[in-house]
Amino acid sequence: MFFLRRKSIPLTEIFTESFVDIHSHLLPGIDDGAKDLDHSIDLIKKMSSYGIKNFITTPHVLGDVYPNSPEIILSKLDEVQKRLKVEGLSDIKISASAEYMLDEQFTSLLDKDTILPLKKNYILVEMSYFNAPVNLYEVLFEIQLKGYKPILAHPERYNFYHNDFENYYKLKKSGCLFQLNMLSLTDHYGSNIQKVSKKLLDLGLYDFLGTDTHHSRHLDLMLKLGNLKHKKMLENLIQRNAMFE
């Protein structure tokens, strides 16, 4: 039985046709993801070979570091879509949203209604890895007051929550949904994050799944998840992501 659970399988057996990757950095030259258009297309092709055909890519929106407006994001998306058409990759569906840092600039964007949501009214948000915003719960309330549903990217990577899981439950009770980074189930981010991600998964606290792809090394590491054990672990989240199709 142990052997069967560890048996290697292609990632195409894990990703369903309806799976939508809701967290990636595939637009060229606007954050720490794809460096140029060729890089964007190479990443998408490789992900397609894994069985991922549907994307809502999410460049960072982070103050003056990555001041990506909806206009900038959609312009870059148009470049990628046109190139995909030239390449004959008609089976790829890609749209764009953003990964919003919960900072003062985000509050301003929220006030001005210049948010680019995922499909429907979901928005992907993140926090600093050093500490949560002092007004975190006020911001989460404001997000929902505006009619959006916040999805917190990679909650397993916020080390300041690891010693008190009640914080995770408090976030959930405040209307915050959770998105697991696939590579958190490997040792890529460290053994502690791997342990926490598995615990959150066992507790049923995750709502969605994302690759958080930035570069080809991420995709090489993803091959570690190609086994029956991870297929079983992820199948519910794979199905949940289909709602974004």
Protein backbone atom coordinates (compact mmCIF):
# COMPACT_ATOMS: atom_id res chain seq x y z
CA MET A 1 0.00 0.00 0.00
CA PHE A 2 2.82 2.40 0.89
CA PHE A 3 4.44 1.68 -2.47
CA LEU A 4 1.23 2.45 -4.32
CA ARG A 5 0.77 5.76 -2.53
CA ARG A 6 4.30 6.79 -3.46
CA LYS A 7 4.07 5.59 -7.05
CA SER A 8 5.11 8.31 -9.47
CA ILE A 9 2.47 9.58 -11.86
CA PRO A 10 2.50 12.40 -14.43
CA LEU A 11 1.06 15.71 -13.27
CA THR A 12 -1.52 15.39 -16.04
CA GLU A 13 -3.18 12.80 -13.80
CA ILE A 14 -3.48 15.33 -10.98
CA PHE A 15 -4.76 18.38 -12.87
CA THR A 16 -8.24 18.06 -14.33
CA GLU A 17 -9.26 19.81 -17.56
CA SER A 18 -11.36 22.25 -15.54
CA PHE A 19 -8.60 23.20 -13.10
CA VAL A 20 -7.80 26.91 -13.04
CA ASP A 21 -4.50 28.13 -11.60
CA ILE A 22 -5.48 31.28 -9.70
CA HIS A 23 -2.00 32.30 -8.54
CA SER A 24 0.96 32.80 -10.89
CA HIS A 25 3.30 35.47 -12.20
CA LEU A 26 3.24 34.93 -15.94
CA LEU A 27 2.92 38.44 -17.38
CA PRO A 28 6.17 39.77 -18.83
CA GLY A 29 8.36 42.29 -17.06
CA ILE A 30 6.02 43.74 -14.44
CA ASP A 31 7.03 41.90 -11.28
CA ASP A 32 9.43 39.18 -10.09
CA GLY A 33 7.89 36.57 -12.41
CA ALA A 34 8.30 36.20 -16.17
CA LYS A 35 11.08 38.50 -17.39
CA ASP A 36 9.89 38.96 -20.95
CA LEU A 37 7.29 37.69 -23.39
CA ASP A 38 9.36 34.68 -24.48
CA HIS A 39 9.71 33.67 -20.83
CA SER A 40 5.94 34.04 -20.35
CA ILE A 41 5.21 31.72 -23.25
CA ASP A 42 7.84 29.17 -22.18
CA LEU A 43 6.31 28.97 -18.69
CA ILE A 44 2.79 28.61 -20.04
CA LYS A 45 3.86 25.88 -22.46
CA LYS A 46 5.56 23.92 -19.70
CA MET A 47 2.52 24.27 -17.42
CA SER A 48 0.32 23.16 -20.29
CA SER A 49 2.43 20.00 -20.58
CA TYR A 50 1.51 19.33 -16.94
CA GLY A 51 -2.18 19.58 -17.78
CA ILE A 52 -2.75 23.18 -16.64
CA LYS A 53 -4.62 24.94 -19.44
CA ASN A 54 -6.58 27.61 -17.57
CA PHE A 55 -4.96 30.58 -15.84
CA ILE A 56 -5.94 33.68 -13.95
CA THR A 57 -2.46 35.09 -13.57
CA THR A 58 -1.78 37.44 -10.67
CA PRO A 59 1.12 39.91 -10.85
CA HIS A 60 2.10 41.62 -7.64
CA VAL A 61 0.60 44.98 -6.75
CA LEU A 62 2.98 46.27 -4.13
CA GLY A 63 3.33 49.98 -3.45
CA ASP A 64 6.10 51.66 -5.42
CA VAL A 65 7.91 48.35 -5.97
CA TYR A 66 5.27 46.92 -8.32
CA PRO A 67 2.76 49.72 -8.96
CA ASN A 68 0.71 47.68 -11.39
CA SER A 69 -2.58 49.29 -12.34
CA PRO A 70 -5.41 47.40 -14.08
CA GLU A 71 -4.39 49.17 -17.30
CA ILE A 72 -0.79 47.93 -17.09
CA ILE A 73 -1.86 44.39 -16.21
CA LEU A 74 -4.46 44.14 -18.97
CA SER A 75 -2.03 45.57 -21.52
CA LYS A 76 0.52 42.87 -20.68
CA LEU A 77 -2.22 40.26 -20.74
CA ASP A 78 -3.12 41.36 -24.26
CA GLU A 79 0.50 40.85 -25.34
CA VAL A 80 0.48 37.30 -23.98
CA GLN A 81 -2.89 36.44 -25.50
CA LYS A 82 -1.83 37.67 -28.94
CA ARG A 83 1.43 35.69 -28.75
CA LEU A 84 -0.45 32.54 -27.70
CA LYS A 85 -2.64 32.95 -30.76
CA VAL A 86 0.41 33.31 -33.01
CA GLU A 87 1.88 30.18 -31.40
CA GLY A 88 -1.32 28.28 -32.15
CA LEU A 89 -1.98 27.55 -28.48
CA SER A 90 -5.74 27.79 -28.80
CA ASP A 91 -6.35 25.41 -25.89
CA ILE A 92 -4.87 27.88 -23.39
CA LYS A 93 -7.23 30.24 -21.58
CA ILE A 94 -5.60 33.07 -19.67
CA SER A 95 -7.03 36.12 -17.95
CA ALA A 96 -5.52 38.34 -15.26
CA SER A 97 -6.13 39.68 -11.80
CA ALA A 98 -3.50 40.60 -9.21
CA GLU A 99 -1.93 39.59 -5.93
CA TYR A 100 -2.52 42.57 -3.68
CA MET A 101 -0.27 43.39 -0.75
CA LEU A 102 -2.39 44.47 2.21
CA ASP A 103 -0.75 47.85 2.76
CA GLU A 104 -1.77 51.51 2.76
CA GLN A 105 -1.71 51.67 -1.02
CA PHE A 106 -4.15 48.77 -1.19
CA THR A 107 -6.60 50.60 1.06
CA SER A 108 -6.40 53.54 -1.32
CA LEU A 109 -7.07 51.29 -4.33
CA LEU A 110 -10.04 49.81 -2.51
CA ASP A 111 -11.42 53.28 -1.78
CA LYS A 112 -11.01 54.27 -5.44
CA ASP A 113 -12.58 51.04 -6.75
CA THR A 114 -9.51 50.27 -8.88
CA ILE A 115 -9.29 46.60 -7.94
CA LEU A 116 -8.93 43.93 -10.62
CA PRO A 117 -10.66 40.86 -9.15
CA LEU A 118 -10.42 37.24 -10.01
CA LYS A 119 -13.49 35.85 -11.74
CA LYS A 120 -16.65 36.84 -9.87
CA ASN A 121 -15.85 38.96 -6.82
CA TYR A 122 -12.82 37.20 -5.35
CA ILE A 123 -9.52 38.99 -4.82
CA LEU A 124 -6.14 37.48 -4.00
CA VAL A 125 -4.29 39.22 -1.15
CA GLU A 126 -1.05 38.71 0.70
CA MET A 127 0.77 40.05 3.76
CA SER A 128 4.34 40.80 4.65
CA TYR A 129 6.27 37.72 5.73
CA PHE A 130 7.50 39.63 8.78
CA ASN A 131 4.21 40.59 10.42
CA ALA A 132 0.52 41.04 9.79
CA PRO A 133 -0.88 44.56 9.27
CA VAL A 134 -1.95 46.11 12.55
CA ASN A 135 -5.34 46.85 11.01
CA LEU A 136 -5.68 43.46 9.27
CA TYR A 137 -9.20 42.70 10.41
CA GLU A 138 -10.41 46.19 9.61
CA VAL A 139 -9.05 45.81 6.07
CA LEU A 140 -10.67 42.39 5.67
CA PHE A 141 -13.95 43.93 6.78
CA GLU A 142 -13.58 46.80 4.28
CA ILE A 143 -12.85 44.31 1.48
CA GLN A 144 -16.09 42.51 2.19
CA LEU A 145 -18.00 45.75 2.66
CA LYS A 146 -17.00 46.58 -0.93
CA GLY A 147 -18.52 43.30 -2.05
CA TYR A 148 -15.31 41.32 -2.49
CA LYS A 149 -14.28 37.99 -1.00
CA PRO A 150 -10.62 37.93 0.14
CA ILE A 151 -8.45 34.91 -0.62
CA LEU A 152 -5.25 34.93 1.41
CA ALA A 153 -2.33 33.66 -0.65
CA HIS A 154 -0.11 31.01 0.94
CA PRO A 155 -1.17 31.38 4.63
CA GLU A 156 1.28 28.60 5.47
CA ARG A 157 4.18 30.94 4.70
CA TYR A 158 3.41 33.46 7.45
CA ASN A 159 5.74 32.20 10.15
CA PHE A 160 4.30 34.51 12.79
CA TYR A 161 1.14 32.37 12.84
CA HIS A 162 2.83 29.00 13.16
CA ASN A 163 2.89 28.84 16.96
CA ASP A 164 -0.78 29.70 17.40
CA PHE A 165 -3.20 28.13 14.96
CA GLU A 166 -6.07 30.05 16.54
CA ASN A 167 -4.99 32.92 14.29
CA TYR A 168 -5.89 30.84 11.26
CA TYR A 169 -9.32 30.08 12.66
CA LYS A 170 -9.81 33.76 13.47
CA LEU A 171 -9.00 34.68 9.87
CA LYS A 172 -11.47 32.12 8.56
CA LYS A 173 -14.19 33.36 10.89
CA SER A 174 -13.51 36.87 9.56
CA GLY A 175 -14.42 35.74 6.05
CA CYS A 176 -10.92 35.15 4.74
CA LEU A 177 -10.45 32.21 2.36
CA PHE A 178 -7.14 30.36 2.09
CA GLN A 179 -5.08 29.45 -0.97
CA LEU A 180 -2.40 26.75 -0.71
CA ASN A 181 0.84 27.06 -2.65
CA MET A 182 1.49 23.66 -4.23
CA LEU A 183 5.22 23.83 -3.55
CA SER A 184 4.57 24.32 0.16
CA LEU A 185 3.89 20.59 0.26
CA THR A 186 7.53 20.06 -0.74
CA ASP A 187 10.61 21.27 1.13
CA HIS A 188 11.02 24.21 -1.27
CA TYR A 189 10.11 26.88 1.30
CA GLY A 190 11.51 24.89 4.21
CA SER A 191 10.47 21.93 6.33
CA ASN A 192 8.48 24.04 8.80
CA ILE A 193 6.28 25.52 6.08
CA GLN A 194 5.87 22.03 4.62
CA LYS A 195 4.69 20.78 8.01
CA VAL A 196 2.26 23.66 8.52
CA SER A 197 0.80 23.34 5.03
CA LYS A 198 0.06 19.67 5.59
CA LYS A 199 -1.55 20.44 8.94
CA LEU A 200 -3.76 23.16 7.45
CA LEU A 201 -4.68 20.74 4.69
CA ASP A 202 -5.54 18.00 7.19
CA LEU A 203 -7.68 20.48 9.14
CA GLY A 204 -9.60 21.34 5.98
CA LEU A 205 -8.77 25.03 6.21
CA TYR A 206 -7.75 25.54 2.58
CA ASP A 207 -10.29 26.64 -0.01
CA PHE A 208 -8.23 26.91 -3.18
CA LEU A 209 -4.95 25.94 -4.77
CA GLY A 210 -2.33 27.86 -6.74
CA THR A 211 1.08 27.18 -8.22
CA ASP A 212 2.55 30.64 -7.52
CA THR A 213 4.78 30.04 -10.53
CA HIS A 214 7.50 32.66 -11.07
CA HIS A 215 10.10 30.77 -13.10
CA SER A 216 11.00 27.40 -14.58
CA ARG A 217 12.65 26.16 -11.39
CA HIS A 218 9.27 26.28 -9.67
CA LEU A 219 7.89 24.07 -12.42
CA ASP A 220 10.79 21.62 -12.14
CA LEU A 221 10.17 21.32 -8.40
CA MET A 222 6.48 20.72 -8.99
CA LEU A 223 7.37 17.31 -10.42
CA LYS A 224 8.00 16.19 -6.83
CA LEU A 225 4.24 16.22 -6.33
CA GLY A 226 3.63 13.69 -9.08
CA ASN A 227 2.50 10.71 -7.00
CA LEU A 228 -0.73 9.09 -5.85
CA LYS A 229 -0.39 10.45 -2.33
CA HIS A 230 -0.43 14.07 -3.47
CA LYS A 231 -3.14 13.38 -6.01
CA LYS A 232 -5.38 12.24 -3.17
CA MET A 233 -4.37 15.16 -0.95
CA LEU A 234 -5.14 17.76 -3.60
CA GLU A 235 -8.17 16.39 -5.44
CA ASN A 236 -10.75 18.39 -3.46
CA LEU A 237 -8.90 21.66 -4.00
CA ILE A 238 -8.38 20.85 -7.69
CA GLN A 239 -12.17 20.50 -7.95
CA ARG A 240 -12.79 23.72 -6.00
CA ASN A 241 -10.59 25.72 -8.36
CA ALA A 242 -12.82 24.71 -11.26
CA MET A 243 -15.34 27.32 -10.09
CA PHE A 244 -13.08 29.95 -11.67
CA GLU A 245 -13.33 28.38 -15.13
